[in-house]
């Protein structure tokens, strides 16, 4: 049995560490993340405030720690609906082919020419700011990548011997899709999902930066970076530490995706 690649192990370790930070946020935070302290405005990092304070005296370290919860919440939940929708459409289109496949691919062709973030931004602008509306926007446009991957796998799997044997034995199409096609098409989709989680977190932070994500004073990294951008030359720590946290968690998921891809190639 081949060992998992070091990249996969490193990625899991990084994400697991951030998961522990999210779970232990009430114990790790040294201050109330939304408490205003006008006596400690723009204090640099030190013993009292590990990452300094922002323009309202809030502790940046505590806000980064609590912001981990929002980042993981957005990243993990934000990919579930797009993956479920995309997998369903892609598997059905690839398995049945014909007009079903043509219709699904026409839907994909309509959405592909538009930049992903522009579509998400437009939908959130129509629905209104908020994380819930961001999830709705992701569900409406984020399924395309999953559908294309699932369709490509289903096109190959529908001609495989075990699928043909299942058809000959009289099993229903839903059973064949769920029992034989879905498990074998899942691997590349999971690898893609790891990269997609990183993008969902970054886009969620971008919405927060633009004032269309979680409402202030929520300790969300995009909001923190937006607030810190006004003080980047005098209080760099306000934007630096949430930005660093975002990079680290993104690297963790990216390493998991790359490591999974390599591991699956080794096992093939």
Protein backbone atom coordinates (compact mmCIF):
# COMPACT_ATOMS: atom_id res chain seq x y z
CA UNK A 1 0.00 0.00 0.00
CA UNK A 2 1.47 3.32 -1.08
CA UNK A 3 1.89 6.06 1.49
CA UNK A 4 0.05 9.33 1.06
CA UNK A 5 2.22 12.05 -0.52
CA UNK A 6 3.90 14.51 1.81
CA UNK A 7 1.92 17.36 0.22
CA UNK A 8 -1.35 15.69 1.20
CA UNK A 9 -0.18 15.13 4.77
CA UNK A 10 1.06 18.71 5.05
CA UNK A 11 -2.21 20.09 3.69
CA UNK A 12 -4.30 18.01 6.09
CA UNK A 13 -2.11 19.14 8.99
CA UNK A 14 -2.52 22.82 8.07
CA UNK A 15 -6.30 22.58 7.64
CA UNK A 16 -6.66 20.49 10.79
CA UNK A 17 -4.69 23.09 12.75
CA UNK A 18 -7.01 25.85 11.53
CA UNK A 19 -9.98 23.64 12.34
CA UNK A 20 -8.73 23.37 15.92
CA UNK A 21 -8.31 27.15 16.02
CA UNK A 22 -11.93 27.54 14.94
CA UNK A 23 -13.19 25.06 17.53
CA UNK A 24 -11.11 26.53 20.34
CA UNK A 25 -11.72 30.19 19.42
CA UNK A 26 -13.40 31.07 22.76
CA UNK A 27 -10.38 29.69 24.62
CA UNK A 28 -7.66 31.07 22.33
CA UNK A 29 -9.05 34.60 21.94
CA UNK A 30 -7.62 37.00 24.49
CA UNK A 31 -10.34 39.66 24.04
CA UNK A 32 -13.89 40.04 22.88
CA UNK A 33 -13.50 40.22 19.06
CA UNK A 34 -16.11 42.98 18.67
CA UNK A 35 -15.43 44.95 21.85
CA UNK A 36 -14.44 48.56 21.14
CA UNK A 37 -11.71 50.13 23.26
CA UNK A 38 -11.05 53.78 22.48
CA UNK A 39 -8.12 53.76 24.90
CA UNK A 40 -6.19 51.30 22.73
CA UNK A 41 -6.60 52.63 19.21
CA UNK A 42 -4.10 51.41 16.57
CA UNK A 43 -1.77 49.79 19.10
CA UNK A 44 1.10 47.84 17.48
CA UNK A 45 1.59 44.12 18.22
CA UNK A 46 2.76 43.52 21.77
CA UNK A 47 2.20 41.56 24.96
CA UNK A 48 -1.25 43.02 25.59
CA UNK A 49 -2.42 42.55 22.00
CA UNK A 50 -0.47 39.92 20.09
CA UNK A 51 -1.49 41.23 16.65
CA UNK A 52 -2.13 44.81 17.73
CA UNK A 53 -5.45 46.65 17.65
CA UNK A 54 -7.50 48.23 14.87
CA UNK A 55 -8.90 51.73 14.41
CA UNK A 56 -11.58 51.13 17.07
CA UNK A 57 -9.30 49.41 19.57
CA UNK A 58 -10.51 45.89 18.84
CA UNK A 59 -7.96 43.11 19.32
CA UNK A 60 -6.78 41.90 15.90
CA UNK A 61 -5.57 38.53 17.21
CA UNK A 62 -9.00 37.67 18.64
CA UNK A 63 -10.70 38.80 15.45
CA UNK A 64 -8.40 36.64 13.32
CA UNK A 65 -9.08 33.64 15.57
CA UNK A 66 -12.85 34.05 15.37
CA UNK A 67 -12.57 34.85 11.67
CA UNK A 68 -11.35 31.29 11.14
CA UNK A 69 -14.87 30.09 11.88
CA UNK A 70 -16.34 32.25 9.16
CA UNK A 71 -13.65 31.25 6.65
CA UNK A 72 -14.20 27.52 7.17
CA UNK A 73 -17.97 27.97 7.31
CA UNK A 74 -17.94 29.83 4.00
CA UNK A 75 -15.43 27.49 2.35
CA UNK A 76 -16.92 24.16 3.38
CA UNK A 77 -20.61 24.97 3.10
CA UNK A 78 -20.13 27.12 0.02
CA UNK A 79 -19.06 24.15 -2.13
CA UNK A 80 -21.73 21.66 -1.05
CA UNK A 81 -24.64 22.93 -3.13
CA UNK A 82 -22.58 23.60 -6.29
CA UNK A 83 -21.00 20.15 -6.03
CA UNK A 84 -24.35 18.41 -5.51
CA UNK A 85 -26.01 20.27 -8.39
CA UNK A 86 -23.02 19.93 -10.72
CA UNK A 87 -22.50 16.23 -9.99
CA UNK A 88 -26.17 15.47 -10.60
CA UNK A 89 -26.32 17.36 -13.90
CA UNK A 90 -22.95 16.09 -15.11
CA UNK A 91 -23.55 12.43 -14.28
CA UNK A 92 -27.04 12.39 -15.79
CA UNK A 93 -25.84 14.19 -18.93
CA UNK A 94 -22.82 11.96 -19.44
CA UNK A 95 -24.64 8.73 -18.63
CA UNK A 96 -27.71 9.22 -20.83
CA UNK A 97 -26.14 11.34 -23.58
CA UNK A 98 -28.35 12.45 -26.45
CA UNK A 99 -30.67 15.40 -25.93
CA UNK A 100 -30.13 15.31 -22.16
CA UNK A 101 -26.40 15.85 -22.65
CA UNK A 102 -26.98 18.52 -25.30
CA UNK A 103 -29.36 20.47 -23.05
CA UNK A 104 -26.98 20.34 -20.07
CA UNK A 105 -24.03 21.48 -22.15
CA UNK A 106 -26.03 24.37 -23.59
CA UNK A 107 -26.66 25.56 -20.03
CA UNK A 108 -22.94 25.35 -19.40
CA UNK A 109 -22.15 27.22 -22.63
CA UNK A 110 -24.43 30.07 -21.59
CA UNK A 111 -22.62 30.62 -18.26
CA UNK A 112 -19.00 29.85 -19.21
CA UNK A 113 -18.26 33.08 -21.17
CA UNK A 114 -18.96 35.23 -18.09
CA UNK A 115 -16.25 35.54 -15.40
CA UNK A 116 -17.26 33.53 -12.35
CA UNK A 117 -16.77 36.27 -9.78
CA UNK A 118 -18.62 38.82 -11.91
CA UNK A 119 -21.68 36.55 -12.01
CA UNK A 120 -21.51 35.91 -8.26
CA UNK A 121 -21.10 39.63 -7.58
CA UNK A 122 -24.05 40.49 -9.80
CA UNK A 123 -26.33 37.95 -8.12
CA UNK A 124 -25.34 39.10 -4.62
CA UNK A 125 -25.91 42.71 -5.69
CA UNK A 126 -29.45 41.80 -6.77
CA UNK A 127 -30.27 39.65 -3.74
CA UNK A 128 -28.54 41.91 -1.23
CA UNK A 129 -25.41 41.62 0.96
CA UNK A 130 -24.99 38.62 3.23
CA UNK A 131 -23.37 35.20 3.47
CA UNK A 132 -26.66 33.39 2.75
CA UNK A 133 -27.07 35.23 -0.55
CA UNK A 134 -23.46 34.43 -1.38
CA UNK A 135 -24.30 30.73 -0.95
CA UNK A 136 -27.28 31.15 -3.28
CA UNK A 137 -25.07 32.81 -5.89
CA UNK A 138 -22.53 29.99 -5.62
CA UNK A 139 -25.26 27.40 -6.06
CA UNK A 140 -26.51 29.16 -9.20
CA UNK A 141 -23.17 29.48 -10.99
CA UNK A 142 -20.62 27.35 -9.13
CA UNK A 143 -21.94 24.00 -10.36
CA UNK A 144 -20.48 24.37 -13.85
CA UNK A 145 -16.98 23.06 -13.09
CA UNK A 146 -18.35 20.07 -11.20
CA UNK A 147 -20.80 19.29 -14.02
CA UNK A 148 -18.09 19.26 -16.67
CA UNK A 149 -15.87 16.98 -14.60
CA UNK A 150 -18.68 14.59 -13.71
CA UNK A 151 -19.88 14.48 -17.31
CA UNK A 152 -16.42 13.60 -18.60
CA UNK A 153 -16.16 10.74 -16.09
CA UNK A 154 -19.68 9.49 -16.84
CA UNK A 155 -18.99 9.41 -20.59
CA UNK A 156 -16.18 6.95 -19.94
CA UNK A 157 -17.87 4.95 -17.19
CA UNK A 158 -21.08 4.30 -19.10
CA UNK A 159 -19.09 2.14 -21.53
CA UNK A 160 -17.24 0.24 -18.79
CA UNK A 161 -17.81 -3.48 -18.34
CA UNK A 162 -19.36 -3.27 -14.87
CA UNK A 163 -21.92 -0.68 -15.99
CA UNK A 164 -22.82 -2.70 -19.09
CA UNK A 165 -23.13 -5.80 -16.92
CA UNK A 166 -25.43 -3.97 -14.50
CA UNK A 167 -27.64 -2.90 -17.41
CA UNK A 168 -27.75 -6.46 -18.74
CA UNK A 169 -28.84 -7.70 -15.31
CA UNK A 170 -31.78 -5.30 -15.39
CA UNK A 171 -30.75 -2.81 -12.72
CA UNK A 172 -32.46 0.59 -12.96
CA UNK A 173 -30.62 3.65 -14.22
CA UNK A 174 -30.82 5.48 -10.84
CA UNK A 175 -29.31 2.43 -9.13
CA UNK A 176 -26.48 2.18 -11.66
CA UNK A 177 -25.76 5.89 -11.35
CA UNK A 178 -25.69 5.80 -7.54
CA UNK A 179 -23.97 2.43 -7.08
CA UNK A 180 -21.49 2.25 -9.96
CA UNK A 181 -21.02 5.60 -11.73
CA UNK A 182 -21.02 8.06 -8.82
CA UNK A 183 -18.35 6.33 -6.65
CA UNK A 184 -15.98 6.00 -9.60
CA UNK A 185 -16.51 9.59 -10.75
CA UNK A 186 -16.03 11.08 -7.30
CA UNK A 187 -12.22 11.16 -7.09
CA UNK A 188 -11.47 13.98 -9.59
CA UNK A 189 -14.44 15.95 -8.27
CA UNK A 190 -13.10 15.81 -4.71
CA UNK A 191 -9.70 17.00 -5.93
CA UNK A 192 -11.37 19.89 -7.72
CA UNK A 193 -13.43 20.65 -4.62
CA UNK A 194 -10.29 21.28 -2.55
CA UNK A 195 -9.19 24.00 -4.96
CA UNK A 196 -12.73 25.34 -5.13
CA UNK A 197 -12.87 25.72 -1.34
CA UNK A 198 -9.88 28.05 -1.52
CA UNK A 199 -11.55 30.15 -4.23
CA UNK A 200 -14.83 30.27 -2.30
CA UNK A 201 -13.00 31.56 0.79
CA UNK A 202 -11.15 34.17 -1.26
CA UNK A 203 -14.29 35.32 -3.07
CA UNK A 204 -16.14 35.45 0.25
CA UNK A 205 -13.40 37.66 1.65
CA UNK A 206 -13.56 39.80 -1.50
CA UNK A 207 -17.28 40.32 -0.93
CA UNK A 208 -16.51 41.32 2.65
CA UNK A 209 -13.88 43.73 1.33
CA UNK A 210 -16.49 45.27 -0.99
CA UNK A 211 -19.02 45.53 1.83
CA UNK A 212 -21.31 42.83 0.36
CA UNK A 213 -20.45 39.94 2.67
CA UNK A 214 -20.94 39.56 6.39
CA UNK A 215 -22.01 42.83 8.05
CA UNK A 216 -19.60 44.72 10.34
CA UNK A 217 -18.46 44.30 13.08
CA UNK A 218 -18.35 40.58 12.23
CA UNK A 219 -14.78 39.29 12.69
CA UNK A 220 -14.46 38.23 9.06
CA UNK A 221 -11.09 38.40 7.32
CA UNK A 222 -12.31 40.30 4.24
CA UNK A 223 -13.89 42.98 6.42
CA UNK A 224 -10.68 43.24 8.46
CA UNK A 225 -8.56 43.67 5.34
CA UNK A 226 -10.94 46.33 4.02
CA UNK A 227 -10.79 48.25 7.29
CA UNK A 228 -7.02 47.87 7.48
CA UNK A 229 -6.46 49.08 3.93
CA UNK A 230 -7.08 52.65 5.07
CA UNK A 231 -4.24 52.37 7.60
CA UNK A 232 -1.80 50.20 5.65
CA UNK A 233 1.03 52.76 5.92
CA UNK A 234 0.58 53.50 9.63
CA UNK A 235 -1.00 50.32 11.07
CA UNK A 236 0.00 47.52 8.69
CA UNK A 237 -0.93 44.78 11.17
CA UNK A 238 -4.69 45.32 10.78
CA UNK A 239 -4.71 43.96 7.23
CA UNK A 240 -1.53 41.88 7.34
CA UNK A 241 -2.53 39.21 9.86
CA UNK A 242 -5.97 38.34 8.41
CA UNK A 243 -4.37 38.33 4.96
CA UNK A 244 -1.66 35.96 6.19
CA UNK A 245 -4.28 33.70 7.76
CA UNK A 246 -6.19 33.61 4.47
CA UNK A 247 -3.06 32.65 2.55
CA UNK A 248 -2.19 29.89 5.03
CA UNK A 249 -5.62 28.26 5.00
CA UNK A 250 -5.73 28.56 1.21
CA UNK A 251 -2.34 26.88 0.92
CA UNK A 252 -3.59 24.07 3.17
CA UNK A 253 -6.56 23.25 0.94
CA UNK A 254 -4.45 23.65 -2.20
CA UNK A 255 -1.91 21.15 -0.84
CA UNK A 256 -4.70 18.69 -0.07
CA UNK A 257 -5.98 18.98 -3.63
CA UNK A 258 -2.52 18.58 -5.17
CA UNK A 259 -1.66 15.72 -2.80
CA UNK A 260 -4.91 13.91 -3.55
CA UNK A 261 -4.31 14.24 -7.28
CA UNK A 262 -0.83 12.73 -6.94
CA UNK A 263 -2.02 9.98 -4.62
CA UNK A 264 -4.82 8.98 -6.97
CA UNK A 265 -2.38 8.85 -9.90
CA UNK A 266 -0.08 6.58 -7.88
CA UNK A 267 -2.96 4.25 -7.01
CA UNK A 268 -4.23 4.12 -10.59
